[in-house]
Amino acid sequence: MSRGHEDAPPLLAHGLTAMARAKNWFDAHWGAALLAGHYLCDDSAIDETTREAIRAELAVLRKGHAEAVRPFAPADADPQASTRIAKSLEPALENGVRAHGHAVIYTALALRALGDAPTLAIPAITNRICDWNRILSKKKPTAPRHSEALPTEKTQDPNPAGVNKKLLARRTFERLADFAPLVGHRHAPRPNFTHWTTHTEALIRLDALGSRQLAQKGLLGLRAHLDFDVPPVPQSDPIDRASVTRQALLDARWWRDEERRAQWHETWNVRDNRNGDWIASGHLFKVLYAFTSLARLVDDPQLVETAAQVLFERYFDPLVGGG
């Protein structure tokens, strides 16, 4: 067992450390953002110019959270850490969705990172990740209102075959597309599209990492998460959103826009700066990581683009509601 993690990729080391040093479960967002940023920058669909622009923003994040990414003292890695973390997630999956699926999202990112950097599985890190799952499990669950099951959802199955990742990704994108009539109507009420996306990717990731029973059990919570009716469409003319595309977010010019960066680097405020702190605690990195992963599973380019416009509209216009 190694007592050091000097050879681990820096963003994985900083991300897991920041998750562990967080003051509370919500502040663990920053570490999760660094982990997602690492994998986002590894994505072959992103060109090097854009990758450099994203890395520059991740460097700003690390500098602003220097204490949170300060390394822990060397310690032996626990070879059973991933098993313990996975087990700690179980209570947070009971009866529906808790706190927008954060336990699932954090766990999937942490398990992926620990799989790629096992020397980081030291108690100071892994015990705290288990703590966040324990705390989140005490949040009141929301059960789905409707009975329609998600693809491959089978309750009471001790040996699930695993989630159907293509059908599950498509279902989430279809639900996003249901809200396309609201695009351009910035004040129309919207659900939390960001966490729909990151939650879906996290369940598919858990399945891919071998936690099939957890992924299967988590489908009930995702079903509750996606269980929103489309509100009436306002009668006013919509704002033109032709510029809101997935490709726009993968363009270095979008990441280097000075007005946008000025918002990101200031503290989030619901009234004055709704696009602050990388859209409240680094969600920009997590949602783009999750969306690009899911998009590869959906064989319908038009559906992917419609889902992207619905999901990313609020990242272009801070007056758009929803999460």
Protein backbone atom coordinates (compact mmCIF):
# COMPACT_ATOMS: atom_id res chain seq x y z
CA MET A 1 0.00 0.00 0.00
CA SER A 2 1.28 3.43 -0.94
CA ARG A 3 1.49 6.22 1.61
CA GLY A 4 1.78 8.99 -0.95
CA HIS A 5 -0.25 10.40 -3.79
CA GLU A 6 2.36 12.50 -5.56
CA ASP A 7 1.84 10.50 -8.76
CA ALA A 8 -1.94 11.00 -8.81
CA PRO A 9 -3.29 13.46 -11.42
CA PRO A 10 -3.36 16.87 -9.69
CA LEU A 11 -7.04 17.59 -10.32
CA LEU A 12 -8.05 14.21 -8.91
CA ALA A 13 -5.90 14.78 -5.82
CA HIS A 14 -7.22 18.31 -5.36
CA GLY A 15 -10.81 17.32 -6.07
CA LEU A 16 -10.96 14.45 -3.59
CA THR A 17 -9.11 16.51 -0.98
CA ALA A 18 -11.50 19.43 -1.40
CA MET A 19 -14.48 17.12 -1.05
CA ALA A 20 -13.02 15.84 2.21
CA ARG A 21 -12.05 19.25 3.59
CA ALA A 22 -15.46 20.77 2.84
CA LYS A 23 -17.16 22.49 5.78
CA ASN A 24 -20.46 20.79 4.95
CA TRP A 25 -21.97 18.57 2.26
CA PHE A 26 -22.84 21.52 0.04
CA ASP A 27 -19.28 22.84 0.01
CA ALA A 28 -18.19 19.44 -1.31
CA HIS A 29 -19.44 20.80 -4.64
CA TRP A 30 -16.05 22.44 -5.20
CA GLY A 31 -14.15 19.18 -5.01
CA ALA A 32 -16.68 17.49 -7.26
CA ALA A 33 -16.21 20.31 -9.78
CA LEU A 34 -12.46 19.68 -9.88
CA LEU A 35 -13.01 15.96 -10.45
CA ALA A 36 -15.47 16.66 -13.25
CA GLY A 37 -13.05 19.21 -14.69
CA HIS A 38 -10.32 16.58 -14.86
CA TYR A 39 -12.49 14.22 -16.87
CA LEU A 40 -13.91 17.03 -18.98
CA CYS A 41 -10.40 18.02 -20.04
CA ASP A 42 -9.67 14.38 -20.92
CA ASP A 43 -12.62 14.32 -23.32
CA SER A 44 -11.43 13.79 -26.89
CA ALA A 45 -14.37 15.81 -28.23
CA ILE A 46 -12.85 19.01 -26.80
CA ASP A 47 -10.12 20.69 -28.83
CA GLU A 48 -6.88 21.78 -27.23
CA THR A 49 -7.67 25.51 -27.37
CA THR A 50 -10.89 24.99 -25.44
CA ARG A 51 -9.16 22.58 -23.07
CA GLU A 52 -6.61 25.27 -22.22
CA ALA A 53 -9.39 27.77 -21.56
CA ILE A 54 -11.18 25.33 -19.25
CA ARG A 55 -7.94 24.52 -17.43
CA ALA A 56 -7.38 28.22 -16.85
CA GLU A 57 -10.74 28.43 -15.07
CA LEU A 58 -9.98 25.32 -13.03
CA ALA A 59 -6.73 26.98 -11.96
CA VAL A 60 -8.72 29.98 -10.75
CA LEU A 61 -10.95 27.63 -8.78
CA ARG A 62 -7.99 25.91 -7.12
CA LYS A 63 -6.34 29.22 -6.28
CA GLY A 64 -9.54 30.50 -4.69
CA HIS A 65 -9.82 27.32 -2.60
CA ALA A 66 -6.17 26.86 -1.70
CA GLU A 67 -6.90 25.70 1.83
CA ALA A 68 -9.45 23.13 0.67
CA VAL A 69 -6.97 21.50 -1.72
CA ARG A 70 -4.10 21.41 0.80
CA PRO A 71 -2.88 17.79 0.86
CA PHE A 72 -3.47 15.57 3.84
CA ALA A 73 -0.58 13.88 5.61
CA PRO A 74 0.61 10.69 3.90
CA ALA A 75 -1.26 7.56 4.92
CA ASP A 76 -1.84 4.03 3.74
CA ALA A 77 -4.53 3.61 1.11
CA ASP A 78 -7.45 1.41 2.10
CA PRO A 79 -8.00 -1.28 -0.57
CA GLN A 80 -11.63 -1.60 0.61
CA ALA A 81 -12.37 2.11 0.44
CA SER A 82 -14.47 1.99 -2.73
CA THR A 83 -16.59 -0.80 -1.28
CA ARG A 84 -17.18 1.20 1.90
CA ILE A 85 -18.10 4.35 -0.04
CA ALA A 86 -20.51 2.44 -2.26
CA LYS A 87 -22.17 0.86 0.78
CA SER A 88 -22.50 4.27 2.45
CA LEU A 89 -24.62 5.42 -0.51
CA GLU A 90 -27.36 2.82 -0.02
CA PRO A 91 -29.42 4.68 2.64
CA ALA A 92 -29.44 7.83 0.48
CA LEU A 93 -31.20 5.90 -2.30
CA GLU A 94 -34.18 4.77 -0.24
CA ASN A 95 -37.68 5.91 -1.27
CA GLY A 96 -36.79 8.55 -3.85
CA VAL A 97 -34.53 11.51 -4.44
CA ARG A 98 -32.76 13.51 -1.73
CA ALA A 99 -31.19 16.93 -2.26
CA HIS A 100 -31.18 16.67 -6.06
CA GLY A 101 -29.22 13.42 -6.08
CA HIS A 102 -26.04 14.88 -4.62
CA ALA A 103 -25.09 11.68 -2.81
CA VAL A 104 -25.22 9.75 -6.10
CA ILE A 105 -23.33 12.47 -7.98
CA TYR A 106 -20.58 12.83 -5.38
CA THR A 107 -20.19 9.08 -5.00
CA ALA A 108 -19.95 8.37 -8.72
CA LEU A 109 -17.29 11.05 -9.20
CA ALA A 110 -15.34 9.91 -6.14
CA LEU A 111 -15.41 6.24 -7.12
CA ARG A 112 -14.28 7.03 -10.64
CA ALA A 113 -11.43 9.15 -9.30
CA LEU A 114 -10.35 6.53 -6.76
CA GLY A 115 -10.38 3.89 -9.47
CA ASP A 116 -7.95 6.00 -11.48
CA ALA A 117 -5.88 7.11 -8.47
CA PRO A 118 -6.13 4.39 -5.78
CA THR A 119 -3.35 5.87 -3.65
CA LEU A 120 -5.80 8.66 -2.76
CA ALA A 121 -8.04 6.21 -0.89
CA ILE A 122 -6.75 7.33 2.50
CA PRO A 123 -9.06 7.51 5.53
CA ALA A 124 -8.94 11.31 5.72
CA ILE A 125 -10.59 11.42 2.30
CA THR A 126 -12.76 8.34 2.14
CA ASN A 127 -14.26 8.65 5.62
CA ARG A 128 -15.50 12.15 4.83
CA ILE A 129 -17.10 11.07 1.58
CA CYS A 130 -18.95 8.42 3.55
CA ASP A 131 -19.97 11.16 6.00
CA TRP A 132 -21.56 13.23 3.24
CA ASN A 133 -23.61 10.23 2.14
CA ARG A 134 -24.70 9.63 5.73
CA ILE A 135 -25.79 13.25 6.14
CA LEU A 136 -27.56 13.38 2.78
CA SER A 137 -29.39 10.14 3.56
CA LYS A 138 -31.19 11.98 6.37
CA LYS A 139 -32.74 14.48 3.96
CA LYS A 140 -36.45 13.96 3.36
CA PRO A 141 -36.92 11.88 0.19
CA THR A 142 -39.23 12.85 -2.65
CA ALA A 143 -41.02 9.93 -4.29
CA PRO A 144 -42.25 9.98 -7.91
CA ARG A 145 -45.88 10.96 -8.40
CA HIS A 146 -46.43 8.79 -11.44
CA SER A 147 -46.01 5.07 -11.91
CA GLU A 148 -44.07 5.00 -15.19
CA ALA A 149 -40.78 3.20 -14.63
CA LEU A 150 -37.48 4.23 -16.13
CA PRO A 151 -35.71 1.83 -18.54
CA THR A 152 -34.73 -1.45 -16.84
CA GLU A 153 -36.13 -0.33 -13.49
CA LYS A 154 -36.94 -3.48 -11.51
CA THR A 155 -37.67 -3.20 -7.84
CA GLN A 156 -36.91 -6.11 -5.50
CA ASP A 157 -34.43 -7.63 -7.96
CA PRO A 158 -31.36 -8.87 -6.01
CA ASN A 159 -29.38 -9.48 -9.19
CA PRO A 160 -30.19 -6.65 -11.59
CA ALA A 161 -28.95 -6.85 -15.15
CA GLY A 162 -27.80 -3.24 -14.95
CA VAL A 163 -29.34 -0.06 -16.25
CA ASN A 164 -29.83 0.37 -19.97
CA LYS A 165 -27.53 3.35 -20.38
CA LYS A 166 -28.68 4.30 -23.87
CA LEU A 167 -32.36 4.24 -22.99
CA LEU A 168 -31.76 6.07 -19.72
CA ALA A 169 -29.73 8.84 -21.38
CA ARG A 170 -32.35 9.15 -24.09
CA ARG A 171 -35.17 9.35 -21.52
CA THR A 172 -33.47 12.25 -19.73
CA PHE A 173 -32.86 14.06 -23.02
CA GLU A 174 -36.49 13.50 -24.02
CA ARG A 175 -37.61 14.99 -20.72
CA LEU A 176 -35.37 18.00 -21.35
CA ALA A 177 -36.82 18.34 -24.85
CA ASP A 178 -40.35 18.38 -23.39
CA PHE A 179 -39.49 21.82 -22.02
CA ALA A 180 -38.26 23.21 -25.37
CA PRO A 181 -41.39 25.42 -25.75
CA LEU A 182 -40.12 27.45 -22.76
CA VAL A 183 -36.81 28.34 -24.43
CA GLY A 184 -36.60 32.09 -24.82
CA HIS A 185 -39.14 32.73 -22.06
CA ARG A 186 -36.65 33.52 -19.34
CA HIS A 187 -39.14 33.98 -16.50
CA ALA A 188 -41.13 30.78 -17.05
CA PRO A 189 -40.68 28.36 -14.11
CA ARG A 190 -38.33 25.45 -14.73
CA PRO A 191 -37.16 22.45 -12.72
CA ASN A 192 -33.50 21.75 -11.94
CA PHE A 193 -32.28 20.63 -15.38
CA THR A 194 -28.63 20.70 -14.29
CA HIS A 195 -29.12 18.04 -11.64
CA TRP A 196 -31.36 15.97 -13.88
CA THR A 197 -28.34 15.65 -16.15
CA THR A 198 -25.63 15.09 -13.55
CA HIS A 199 -27.84 12.63 -11.64
CA THR A 200 -28.50 10.56 -14.77
CA GLU A 201 -24.82 10.42 -15.68
CA ALA A 202 -23.91 9.45 -12.12
CA LEU A 203 -26.27 6.44 -12.10
CA ILE A 204 -24.93 5.26 -15.45
CA ARG A 205 -21.39 5.75 -14.11
CA LEU A 206 -22.12 3.70 -10.99
CA ASP A 207 -23.36 0.88 -13.18
CA ALA A 208 -20.24 1.09 -15.36
CA LEU A 209 -18.02 0.99 -12.25
CA GLY A 210 -19.64 -2.24 -11.13
CA SER A 211 -22.19 -0.92 -8.63
CA ARG A 212 -25.15 -2.30 -10.55
CA GLN A 213 -27.45 -2.81 -7.59
CA LEU A 214 -26.89 0.78 -6.45
CA ALA A 215 -27.56 2.12 -9.94
CA GLN A 216 -30.75 0.06 -10.14
CA LYS A 217 -31.89 1.20 -6.72
CA GLY A 218 -31.18 4.80 -7.62
CA LEU A 219 -33.59 4.77 -10.56
CA LEU A 220 -36.53 5.46 -8.25
CA GLY A 221 -34.92 8.72 -7.16
CA LEU A 222 -34.16 9.73 -10.73
CA ARG A 223 -37.75 9.01 -11.69
CA ALA A 224 -38.88 11.37 -8.94
CA HIS A 225 -36.33 13.92 -10.14
CA LEU A 226 -37.65 13.90 -13.71
CA ASP A 227 -41.28 13.94 -12.57
CA PHE A 228 -42.22 17.52 -13.47
CA ASP A 229 -45.04 18.82 -15.64
CA VAL A 230 -44.32 21.40 -18.33
CA PRO A 231 -45.90 24.70 -17.23
CA PRO A 232 -48.04 26.83 -19.56
CA VAL A 233 -45.97 28.59 -22.24
CA PRO A 234 -46.09 32.39 -21.91
CA GLN A 235 -47.93 34.24 -24.66
CA SER A 236 -45.12 36.75 -25.20
CA ASP A 237 -42.61 36.41 -28.04
CA PRO A 238 -39.57 34.35 -27.04
CA ILE A 239 -36.01 35.68 -27.07
CA ASP A 240 -33.98 34.27 -29.94
CA ARG A 241 -31.78 31.50 -28.54
CA ALA A 242 -30.11 30.36 -31.76
CA SER A 243 -26.72 31.04 -30.16
CA VAL A 244 -27.37 28.59 -27.31
CA THR A 245 -25.81 25.36 -28.55
CA ARG A 246 -23.66 22.59 -27.21
CA GLN A 247 -20.91 23.61 -29.62
CA ALA A 248 -20.91 27.15 -28.23
CA LEU A 249 -19.98 25.80 -24.78
CA LEU A 250 -17.16 23.80 -26.34
CA ASP A 251 -15.71 26.90 -28.00
CA ALA A 252 -12.74 28.60 -26.29
CA ARG A 253 -14.26 32.01 -27.07
CA TRP A 254 -17.19 31.25 -24.76
CA TRP A 255 -14.82 30.37 -21.91
CA ARG A 256 -12.65 33.43 -22.51
CA ASP A 257 -15.44 36.00 -22.72
CA GLU A 258 -14.43 38.68 -20.20
CA GLU A 259 -17.94 39.68 -19.15
CA ARG A 260 -18.86 36.08 -18.50
CA ARG A 261 -15.63 35.40 -16.59
CA ALA A 262 -16.20 38.48 -14.42
CA GLN A 263 -19.52 36.97 -13.32
CA TRP A 264 -18.03 33.53 -12.69
CA HIS A 265 -15.25 34.87 -10.48
CA GLU A 266 -17.56 36.74 -8.13
CA THR A 267 -19.67 35.20 -5.39
CA TRP A 268 -23.03 33.84 -6.46
CA ASN A 269 -26.02 35.95 -5.49
CA VAL A 270 -29.61 35.16 -6.45
CA ARG A 271 -30.43 38.80 -7.06
CA ASP A 272 -27.27 40.36 -8.50
CA ASN A 273 -25.08 37.57 -9.85
CA ARG A 274 -26.92 34.34 -10.62
CA ASN A 275 -23.99 33.22 -12.78
CA GLY A 276 -21.44 33.72 -10.03
CA ASP A 277 -18.89 31.18 -8.75
CA TRP A 278 -19.04 29.17 -11.98
CA ILE A 279 -22.81 29.17 -11.62
CA ALA A 280 -22.96 28.42 -7.91
CA SER A 281 -20.18 26.11 -6.80
CA GLY A 282 -18.74 24.88 -10.05
CA HIS A 283 -21.80 23.33 -11.68
CA LEU A 284 -20.58 24.50 -15.07
CA PHE A 285 -17.82 21.87 -15.03
CA LYS A 286 -20.07 19.10 -13.71
CA VAL A 287 -22.97 19.66 -16.08
CA LEU A 288 -20.79 19.88 -19.18
CA TYR A 289 -18.92 16.73 -18.13
CA ALA A 290 -22.21 14.90 -17.60
CA PHE A 291 -23.88 16.15 -20.76
CA THR A 292 -20.99 15.27 -23.05
CA SER A 293 -20.92 11.77 -21.55
CA LEU A 294 -24.67 11.28 -22.05
CA ALA A 295 -24.67 12.77 -25.54
CA ARG A 296 -22.44 9.96 -26.78
CA LEU A 297 -25.18 7.48 -25.82
CA VAL A 298 -28.00 9.16 -27.76
CA ASP A 299 -28.19 8.35 -31.47
CA ASP A 300 -30.38 11.31 -32.37
CA PRO A 301 -28.46 14.54 -33.14
CA GLN A 302 -31.59 16.68 -33.16
CA LEU A 303 -32.66 15.44 -29.74
CA VAL A 304 -29.15 16.11 -28.39
CA GLU A 305 -29.21 19.69 -29.69
CA THR A 306 -32.71 20.36 -28.36
CA ALA A 307 -31.75 19.00 -24.95
CA ALA A 308 -28.59 21.12 -24.98
CA GLN A 309 -30.51 24.30 -25.68
CA VAL A 310 -32.99 23.62 -22.86
CA LEU A 311 -30.26 22.66 -20.40
CA PHE A 312 -27.68 25.34 -21.17
CA GLU A 313 -29.95 28.35 -21.71
CA ARG A 314 -29.48 29.54 -18.12
CA TYR A 315 -25.68 29.37 -18.51
CA PHE A 316 -25.95 31.98 -21.25
CA ASP A 317 -28.66 34.10 -19.62
CA PRO A 318 -28.64 34.37 -15.80
CA LEU A 319 -32.25 35.60 -15.78
CA VAL A 320 -33.46 32.17 -16.86
CA GLY A 321 -34.92 30.24 -13.95
CA GLY A 322 -34.23 26.67 -12.85
CA GLY A 323 -31.09 25.07 -11.57
